[in-house]
Amino acid sequence: MLAVQPFYFFQLGGGLYVRGSAVAVFDIENDTYNVPVGLGIGKVVPTSTAVFNLFVEPQYTILSRGAGQPELQIFVGVNTQFVKK
């Protein structure tokens, strides 16, 4: 197996950003692969006790070979960092 993850982030200001982090997977032994491309949006929200990072990123498969490969994936996440006082 070989996994390749190019990622890109572009800050828009005000905590808003555009992102992409799809993982391309190549099964070399079985000659199958899945290459998605993602484009999503996220928002960083600071509060007095924590910083929240929320995002959603649809990932569409542009190249695939083999049975059971996904055509569309939705990557959703929430990351929390707590402020030390």
C-alpha atoms as a PDB file:
ATOM      1  CA  MET A   1       0.000   0.000   0.000  1.00  0.00           C
ATOM      2  CA  LEU A   2       1.039   3.542  -0.750  1.00  0.00           C
ATOM      3  CA  ALA A   3      -0.843   6.525   0.637  1.00  0.00           C
ATOM      4  CA  VAL A   4      -0.230  10.063  -0.618  1.00  0.00           C
ATOM      5  CA  GLN A   5      -1.824  13.078   1.072  1.00  0.00           C
ATOM      6  CA  PRO A   6      -1.265  16.468  -0.500  1.00  0.00           C
ATOM      7  CA  PHE A   7      -2.911  19.185   1.554  1.00  0.00           C
ATOM      8  CA  TYR A   8      -3.598  22.853   1.072  1.00  0.00           C
ATOM      9  CA  PHE A   9      -5.072  25.600   3.232  1.00  0.00           C
ATOM     10  CA  PHE A  10      -5.835  29.194   2.271  1.00  0.00           C
ATOM     11  CA  GLN A  11      -6.860  31.716   4.922  1.00  0.00           C
ATOM     12  CA  LEU A  12      -9.699  34.029   3.929  1.00  0.00           C
ATOM     13  CA  GLY A  13      -9.698  36.125   7.113  1.00  0.00           C
ATOM     14  CA  GLY A  14     -11.903  36.262  10.171  1.00  0.00           C
ATOM     15  CA  GLY A  15     -11.099  32.627  11.023  1.00  0.00           C
ATOM     16  CA  LEU A  16     -12.513  31.347   7.717  1.00  0.00           C
ATOM     17  CA  TYR A  17     -10.375  29.171   5.430  1.00  0.00           C
ATOM     18  CA  VAL A  18     -10.513  26.951   2.336  1.00  0.00           C
ATOM     19  CA  ARG A  19      -8.930  23.500   2.618  1.00  0.00           C
ATOM     20  CA  GLY A  20      -8.199  20.214   0.905  1.00  0.00           C
ATOM     21  CA  SER A  21      -6.620  17.085   2.367  1.00  0.00           C
ATOM     22  CA  ALA A  22      -7.832  14.041   0.444  1.00  0.00           C
ATOM     23  CA  VAL A  23      -5.748  10.833   0.721  1.00  0.00           C
ATOM     24  CA  ALA A  24      -4.909   8.928  -2.471  1.00  0.00           C
ATOM     25  CA  VAL A  25      -4.459   5.183  -1.828  1.00  0.00           C
ATOM     26  CA  PHE A  26      -2.628   2.778  -4.147  1.00  0.00           C
ATOM     27  CA  ASP A  27      -2.749  -1.000  -3.522  1.00  0.00           C
ATOM     28  CA  ILE A  28       0.285  -2.047  -5.523  1.00  0.00           C
ATOM     29  CA  GLU A  29      -0.142  -5.799  -4.964  1.00  0.00           C
ATOM     30  CA  ASN A  30      -3.724  -5.868  -6.294  1.00  0.00           C
ATOM     31  CA  ASP A  31      -3.332  -3.050  -8.858  1.00  0.00           C
ATOM     32  CA  THR A  32      -6.178  -0.958  -7.419  1.00  0.00           C
ATOM     33  CA  TYR A  33      -6.222   2.704  -6.531  1.00  0.00           C
ATOM     34  CA  ASN A  34      -8.420   5.603  -5.472  1.00  0.00           C
ATOM     35  CA  VAL A  35      -7.435   9.230  -6.086  1.00  0.00           C
ATOM     36  CA  PRO A  36      -9.855  11.788  -4.640  1.00  0.00           C
ATOM     37  CA  VAL A  37      -9.622  15.571  -4.711  1.00  0.00           C
ATOM     38  CA  GLY A  38     -11.148  17.650  -1.945  1.00  0.00           C
ATOM     39  CA  LEU A  39     -12.254  21.237  -1.562  1.00  0.00           C
ATOM     40  CA  GLY A  40     -13.825  22.311   1.694  1.00  0.00           C
ATOM     41  CA  ILE A  41     -14.350  25.195   4.055  1.00  0.00           C
ATOM     42  CA  GLY A  42     -13.524  25.645   7.710  1.00  0.00           C
ATOM     43  CA  LYS A  43     -13.901  28.137  10.508  1.00  0.00           C
ATOM     44  CA  VAL A  44     -11.779  28.753  13.614  1.00  0.00           C
ATOM     45  CA  VAL A  45     -13.886  30.017  16.519  1.00  0.00           C
ATOM     46  CA  PRO A  46     -12.065  31.214  19.647  1.00  0.00           C
ATOM     47  CA  THR A  47     -13.911  31.422  22.974  1.00  0.00           C
ATOM     48  CA  SER A  48     -12.690  32.363  26.448  1.00  0.00           C
ATOM     49  CA  THR A  49     -11.995  28.709  27.372  1.00  0.00           C
ATOM     50  CA  ALA A  50     -11.256  26.974  24.053  1.00  0.00           C
ATOM     51  CA  VAL A  51     -10.541  27.349  20.346  1.00  0.00           C
ATOM     52  CA  PHE A  52     -12.810  25.383  18.021  1.00  0.00           C
ATOM     53  CA  ASN A  53     -11.892  24.439  14.457  1.00  0.00           C
ATOM     54  CA  LEU A  54     -14.876  23.178  12.426  1.00  0.00           C
ATOM     55  CA  PHE A  55     -14.734  22.047   8.800  1.00  0.00           C
ATOM     56  CA  VAL A  56     -16.503  20.150   6.046  1.00  0.00           C
ATOM     57  CA  GLU A  57     -14.729  18.878   2.930  1.00  0.00           C
ATOM     58  CA  PRO A  58     -16.420  16.979   0.102  1.00  0.00           C
ATOM     59  CA  GLN A  59     -13.939  14.713  -1.691  1.00  0.00           C
ATOM     60  CA  TYR A  60     -14.725  13.511  -5.209  1.00  0.00           C
ATOM     61  CA  THR A  61     -12.831  10.580  -6.763  1.00  0.00           C
ATOM     62  CA  ILE A  62     -11.167  11.607 -10.033  1.00  0.00           C
ATOM     63  CA  LEU A  63      -9.316   8.309 -10.694  1.00  0.00           C
ATOM     64  CA  SER A  64     -10.094   4.815  -9.426  1.00  0.00           C
ATOM     65  CA  ARG A  65      -9.615   1.189 -10.272  1.00  0.00           C
ATOM     66  CA  GLY A  66     -11.010  -1.859  -8.497  1.00  0.00           C
ATOM     67  CA  ALA A  67     -14.265  -2.939  -6.916  1.00  0.00           C
ATOM     68  CA  GLY A  68     -15.809  -0.977  -4.068  1.00  0.00           C
ATOM     69  CA  GLN A  69     -14.033   2.339  -4.626  1.00  0.00           C
ATOM     70  CA  PRO A  70     -15.985   5.357  -3.317  1.00  0.00           C
ATOM     71  CA  GLU A  71     -17.122   8.031  -5.763  1.00  0.00           C
ATOM     72  CA  LEU A  72     -17.835  10.719  -3.156  1.00  0.00           C
ATOM     73  CA  GLN A  73     -16.701  11.123   0.442  1.00  0.00           C
ATOM     74  CA  ILE A  74     -17.608  13.834   2.947  1.00  0.00           C
ATOM     75  CA  PHE A  75     -14.873  14.617   5.499  1.00  0.00           C
ATOM     76  CA  VAL A  76     -16.233  16.497   8.545  1.00  0.00           C
ATOM     77  CA  GLY A  77     -14.268  17.440  11.618  1.00  0.00           C
ATOM     78  CA  VAL A  78     -14.204  19.332  14.891  1.00  0.00           C
ATOM     79  CA  ASN A  79     -10.931  20.069  16.664  1.00  0.00           C
ATOM     80  CA  THR A  80     -10.857  21.634  20.129  1.00  0.00           C
ATOM     81  CA  GLN A  81      -7.905  23.236  21.896  1.00  0.00           C
ATOM     82  CA  PHE A  82      -8.421  24.218  25.512  1.00  0.00           C
ATOM     83  CA  VAL A  83      -6.958  27.472  26.830  1.00  0.00           C
ATOM     84  CA  LYS A  84      -4.681  27.152  29.858  1.00  0.00           C
ATOM     85  CA  LYS A  85      -5.371  29.751  32.531  1.00  0.00           C
END
